[in-house]
Amino acid sequence: MKSKKALFNDLGLYFGDNEFLKGLNAKGVSNETYGRKSCIYFNARDKETRRNLEAFLAIKGYKVNRDYDRDGARIEVQVSYFKGDRWWE
């Protein structure tokens, strides 16, 4: 399982901006920990970007839940355990 830090670095590379370098403080990012399962949630702008980004993240070795928000642009990525502290929009 890859870390949240690695995820934010790869998102920054994918989008070509520094917003994701803020980690959990990046705009539109939320997180939740369910027992030992930690997830990061973020918006992918639109459905096409979502599909392309999900494919990119899967190739990079991330566990992407493609069934989450199926008709929307929100992505759920499971990362290595961390103490998830809140959910926000």
N, C-alpha and C. Protein backbone atom coordinates (compact mmCIF):
# COMPACT_ATOMS: atom_id res chain seq x y z
N MET A 1 0.86 -1.18 0.00
CA MET A 1 0.00 0.00 0.00
C MET A 1 0.90 1.24 0.00
N LYS A 2 0.60 2.19 -0.85
CA LYS A 2 1.40 3.41 -0.95
C LYS A 2 0.92 4.44 0.08
N SER A 3 1.79 5.37 0.40
CA SER A 3 1.50 6.37 1.42
C SER A 3 0.74 7.56 0.86
N LYS A 4 0.14 8.33 1.76
CA LYS A 4 -0.55 9.55 1.35
C LYS A 4 0.44 10.57 0.80
N LYS A 5 1.64 10.61 1.36
CA LYS A 5 2.67 11.53 0.86
C LYS A 5 3.01 11.22 -0.59
N ALA A 6 3.19 9.94 -0.91
CA ALA A 6 3.47 9.54 -2.30
C ALA A 6 2.30 9.91 -3.20
N LEU A 7 1.08 9.71 -2.72
CA LEU A 7 -0.11 10.06 -3.51
C LEU A 7 -0.13 11.54 -3.84
N PHE A 8 0.10 12.39 -2.84
CA PHE A 8 0.06 13.83 -3.08
C PHE A 8 1.18 14.26 -4.04
N ASN A 9 2.34 13.64 -3.94
CA ASN A 9 3.42 13.95 -4.88
C ASN A 9 3.02 13.57 -6.30
N ASP A 10 2.43 12.39 -6.48
CA ASP A 10 2.01 11.96 -7.81
C ASP A 10 0.86 12.81 -8.35
N LEU A 11 -0.05 13.24 -7.48
CA LEU A 11 -1.13 14.13 -7.93
C LEU A 11 -0.58 15.47 -8.39
N GLY A 12 0.41 15.98 -7.67
CA GLY A 12 1.06 17.22 -8.09
C GLY A 12 1.71 17.09 -9.45
N LEU A 13 2.36 15.96 -9.69
CA LEU A 13 2.96 15.71 -11.01
C LEU A 13 1.91 15.60 -12.09
N TYR A 14 0.82 14.88 -11.79
CA TYR A 14 -0.23 14.67 -12.78
C TYR A 14 -0.88 15.99 -13.20
N PHE A 15 -1.22 16.82 -12.20
CA PHE A 15 -1.90 18.08 -12.49
C PHE A 15 -0.94 19.22 -12.81
N GLY A 16 0.35 19.03 -12.55
CA GLY A 16 1.33 20.06 -12.86
C GLY A 16 1.21 21.31 -12.03
N ASP A 17 0.78 21.15 -10.77
CA ASP A 17 0.72 22.32 -9.88
C ASP A 17 1.13 21.91 -8.46
N ASN A 18 1.27 22.89 -7.61
CA ASN A 18 1.76 22.65 -6.25
C ASN A 18 0.65 22.50 -5.22
N GLU A 19 -0.60 22.59 -5.62
CA GLU A 19 -1.70 22.53 -4.65
C GLU A 19 -1.65 21.26 -3.81
N PHE A 20 -1.39 20.13 -4.45
CA PHE A 20 -1.40 18.85 -3.73
C PHE A 20 -0.20 18.67 -2.81
N LEU A 21 0.82 19.53 -2.96
CA LEU A 21 1.96 19.47 -2.05
C LEU A 21 1.55 19.91 -0.64
N LYS A 22 0.38 20.52 -0.51
CA LYS A 22 -0.16 20.90 0.80
C LYS A 22 -0.70 19.69 1.55
N GLY A 23 -0.73 18.53 0.88
CA GLY A 23 -1.21 17.31 1.50
C GLY A 23 -2.68 17.38 1.87
N LEU A 24 -2.98 17.03 3.12
CA LEU A 24 -4.37 17.02 3.57
C LEU A 24 -5.00 18.41 3.59
N ASN A 25 -4.18 19.44 3.49
CA ASN A 25 -4.70 20.81 3.48
C ASN A 25 -4.98 21.34 2.08
N ALA A 26 -4.75 20.51 1.08
CA ALA A 26 -5.02 20.93 -0.30
C ALA A 26 -6.52 21.12 -0.50
N LYS A 27 -6.86 22.04 -1.37
CA LYS A 27 -8.26 22.36 -1.65
C LYS A 27 -8.99 21.13 -2.20
N GLY A 28 -10.16 20.83 -1.63
CA GLY A 28 -10.99 19.74 -2.12
C GLY A 28 -10.60 18.36 -1.65
N VAL A 29 -9.61 18.27 -0.77
CA VAL A 29 -9.14 16.97 -0.28
C VAL A 29 -9.79 16.68 1.07
N SER A 30 -10.21 15.45 1.25
CA SER A 30 -10.72 15.01 2.54
C SER A 30 -10.17 13.62 2.80
N ASN A 31 -10.34 13.15 4.02
CA ASN A 31 -9.81 11.84 4.38
C ASN A 31 -10.70 11.20 5.41
N GLU A 32 -10.56 9.89 5.50
CA GLU A 32 -11.32 9.13 6.50
C GLU A 32 -10.55 7.85 6.77
N THR A 33 -10.54 7.45 8.03
CA THR A 33 -9.95 6.18 8.41
C THR A 33 -11.05 5.33 9.01
N TYR A 34 -11.20 4.14 8.46
CA TYR A 34 -12.20 3.17 8.90
C TYR A 34 -11.46 2.01 9.55
N GLY A 35 -11.26 2.05 10.85
CA GLY A 35 -10.46 1.03 11.50
C GLY A 35 -9.02 1.15 11.04
N ARG A 36 -8.53 0.15 10.29
CA ARG A 36 -7.16 0.18 9.77
C ARG A 36 -7.12 0.58 8.29
N LYS A 37 -8.23 0.95 7.73
CA LYS A 37 -8.31 1.35 6.32
C LYS A 37 -8.36 2.87 6.23
N SER A 38 -7.36 3.48 5.60
CA SER A 38 -7.31 4.93 5.44
C SER A 38 -7.49 5.29 3.97
N CYS A 39 -8.34 6.29 3.73
CA CYS A 39 -8.63 6.72 2.36
C CYS A 39 -8.50 8.23 2.21
N ILE A 40 -8.10 8.63 1.02
CA ILE A 40 -8.04 10.04 0.64
C ILE A 40 -9.09 10.23 -0.45
N TYR A 41 -9.83 11.34 -0.35
CA TYR A 41 -10.88 11.67 -1.32
C TYR A 41 -10.55 13.03 -1.93
N PHE A 42 -10.78 13.16 -3.22
CA PHE A 42 -10.58 14.45 -3.88
C PHE A 42 -11.36 14.50 -5.18
N ASN A 43 -11.56 15.72 -5.67
CA ASN A 43 -12.30 15.93 -6.91
C ASN A 43 -11.34 15.92 -8.10
N ALA A 44 -11.79 15.31 -9.19
CA ALA A 44 -10.98 15.22 -10.40
C ALA A 44 -11.51 16.12 -11.51
N ARG A 45 -12.16 17.20 -11.17
CA ARG A 45 -12.66 18.21 -12.10
C ARG A 45 -13.84 17.75 -12.96
N ASP A 46 -13.71 16.61 -13.65
CA ASP A 46 -14.81 16.10 -14.47
C ASP A 46 -14.63 14.59 -14.63
N LYS A 47 -15.62 13.94 -15.24
CA LYS A 47 -15.61 12.48 -15.35
C LYS A 47 -14.46 11.95 -16.21
N GLU A 48 -14.15 12.65 -17.29
CA GLU A 48 -13.06 12.20 -18.16
C GLU A 48 -11.72 12.28 -17.43
N THR A 49 -11.49 13.38 -16.73
CA THR A 49 -10.26 13.51 -15.93
C THR A 49 -10.22 12.41 -14.87
N ARG A 50 -11.38 12.12 -14.28
CA ARG A 50 -11.44 11.07 -13.27
C ARG A 50 -10.97 9.73 -13.86
N ARG A 51 -11.52 9.33 -14.99
CA ARG A 51 -11.15 8.05 -15.60
C ARG A 51 -9.66 8.00 -15.92
N ASN A 52 -9.14 9.08 -16.49
CA ASN A 52 -7.72 9.12 -16.84
C ASN A 52 -6.84 9.08 -15.58
N LEU A 53 -7.25 9.80 -14.56
CA LEU A 53 -6.48 9.84 -13.32
C LEU A 53 -6.53 8.50 -12.59
N GLU A 54 -7.70 7.85 -12.59
CA GLU A 54 -7.80 6.52 -11.98
C GLU A 54 -6.85 5.54 -12.67
N ALA A 55 -6.78 5.60 -13.99
CA ALA A 55 -5.88 4.72 -14.73
C ALA A 55 -4.42 5.03 -14.39
N PHE A 56 -4.07 6.31 -14.33
CA PHE A 56 -2.72 6.73 -13.97
C PHE A 56 -2.34 6.22 -12.58
N LEU A 57 -3.25 6.40 -11.61
CA LEU A 57 -2.96 5.99 -10.24
C LEU A 57 -2.86 4.47 -10.13
N ALA A 58 -3.70 3.75 -10.86
CA ALA A 58 -3.63 2.28 -10.84
C ALA A 58 -2.29 1.79 -11.38
N ILE A 59 -1.82 2.40 -12.45
CA ILE A 59 -0.53 2.04 -13.03
C ILE A 59 0.59 2.32 -12.03
N LYS A 60 0.45 3.40 -11.26
CA LYS A 60 1.46 3.76 -10.27
C LYS A 60 1.39 2.87 -9.02
N GLY A 61 0.38 2.01 -8.94
CA GLY A 61 0.29 1.06 -7.84
C GLY A 61 -0.64 1.44 -6.70
N TYR A 62 -1.51 2.41 -6.91
CA TYR A 62 -2.47 2.82 -5.87
C TYR A 62 -3.73 1.96 -5.94
N LYS A 63 -4.37 1.80 -4.80
CA LYS A 63 -5.63 1.06 -4.73
C LYS A 63 -6.77 2.07 -4.88
N VAL A 64 -7.32 2.15 -6.08
CA VAL A 64 -8.37 3.11 -6.42
C VAL A 64 -9.71 2.39 -6.39
N ASN A 65 -10.68 2.96 -5.71
CA ASN A 65 -12.03 2.39 -5.67
C ASN A 65 -12.83 2.99 -6.83
N ARG A 66 -12.87 2.30 -7.94
CA ARG A 66 -13.56 2.82 -9.13
C ARG A 66 -15.08 2.81 -8.99
N ASP A 67 -15.60 2.14 -7.97
CA ASP A 67 -17.05 2.12 -7.73
C ASP A 67 -17.52 3.30 -6.88
N TYR A 68 -16.60 4.03 -6.27
CA TYR A 68 -16.97 5.16 -5.43
C TYR A 68 -17.43 6.33 -6.31
N ASP A 69 -18.56 6.92 -6.00
CA ASP A 69 -19.11 8.07 -6.73
C ASP A 69 -19.07 7.83 -8.24
N ARG A 70 -19.58 6.68 -8.64
CA ARG A 70 -19.50 6.23 -10.04
C ARG A 70 -19.90 7.26 -11.09
N ASP A 71 -20.93 8.04 -10.82
CA ASP A 71 -21.41 9.00 -11.82
C ASP A 71 -20.84 10.39 -11.63
N GLY A 72 -19.97 10.56 -10.65
CA GLY A 72 -19.40 11.87 -10.36
C GLY A 72 -17.91 11.93 -10.69
N ALA A 73 -17.28 12.96 -10.14
CA ALA A 73 -15.86 13.18 -10.40
C ALA A 73 -15.01 12.99 -9.15
N ARG A 74 -15.61 12.49 -8.08
CA ARG A 74 -14.89 12.30 -6.82
C ARG A 74 -14.18 10.95 -6.81
N ILE A 75 -12.95 10.93 -6.32
CA ILE A 75 -12.13 9.72 -6.32
C ILE A 75 -11.80 9.32 -4.89
N GLU A 76 -11.81 8.01 -4.65
CA GLU A 76 -11.38 7.45 -3.37
C GLU A 76 -10.14 6.61 -3.63
N VAL A 77 -9.06 6.90 -2.89
CA VAL A 77 -7.82 6.14 -3.01
C VAL A 77 -7.43 5.66 -1.62
N GLN A 78 -7.24 4.35 -1.49
CA GLN A 78 -6.80 3.81 -0.21
C GLN A 78 -5.29 3.97 -0.11
N VAL A 79 -4.82 4.42 1.04
CA VAL A 79 -3.39 4.61 1.28
C VAL A 79 -3.00 3.86 2.54
N SER A 80 -1.70 3.78 2.81
CA SER A 80 -1.27 3.12 4.03
C SER A 80 -1.86 3.83 5.23
N TYR A 81 -2.01 3.10 6.31
CA TYR A 81 -2.69 3.62 7.49
C TYR A 81 -2.07 4.91 8.01
N PHE A 82 -2.94 5.85 8.33
CA PHE A 82 -2.56 7.05 9.08
C PHE A 82 -3.76 7.42 9.92
N LYS A 83 -3.56 8.23 10.92
CA LYS A 83 -4.65 8.62 11.80
C LYS A 83 -5.51 9.66 11.09
N GLY A 84 -6.53 9.19 10.38
CA GLY A 84 -7.45 10.10 9.71
C GLY A 84 -8.21 10.91 10.74
N ASP A 85 -8.28 12.20 10.53
CA ASP A 85 -8.84 13.01 11.58
C ASP A 85 -10.17 13.66 11.27
N ARG A 86 -10.55 13.71 10.04
CA ARG A 86 -11.83 14.37 9.75
C ARG A 86 -12.23 14.18 8.29
N TRP A 87 -13.46 14.50 8.04
CA TRP A 87 -14.02 14.51 6.70
C TRP A 87 -14.50 15.94 6.45
N TRP A 88 -14.14 16.52 5.35
CA TRP A 88 -14.65 17.86 5.02
C TRP A 88 -14.72 18.02 3.52
N GLU A 89 -15.48 18.97 3.09
CA GLU A 89 -15.65 19.26 1.66
C GLU A 89 -14.95 20.55 1.30
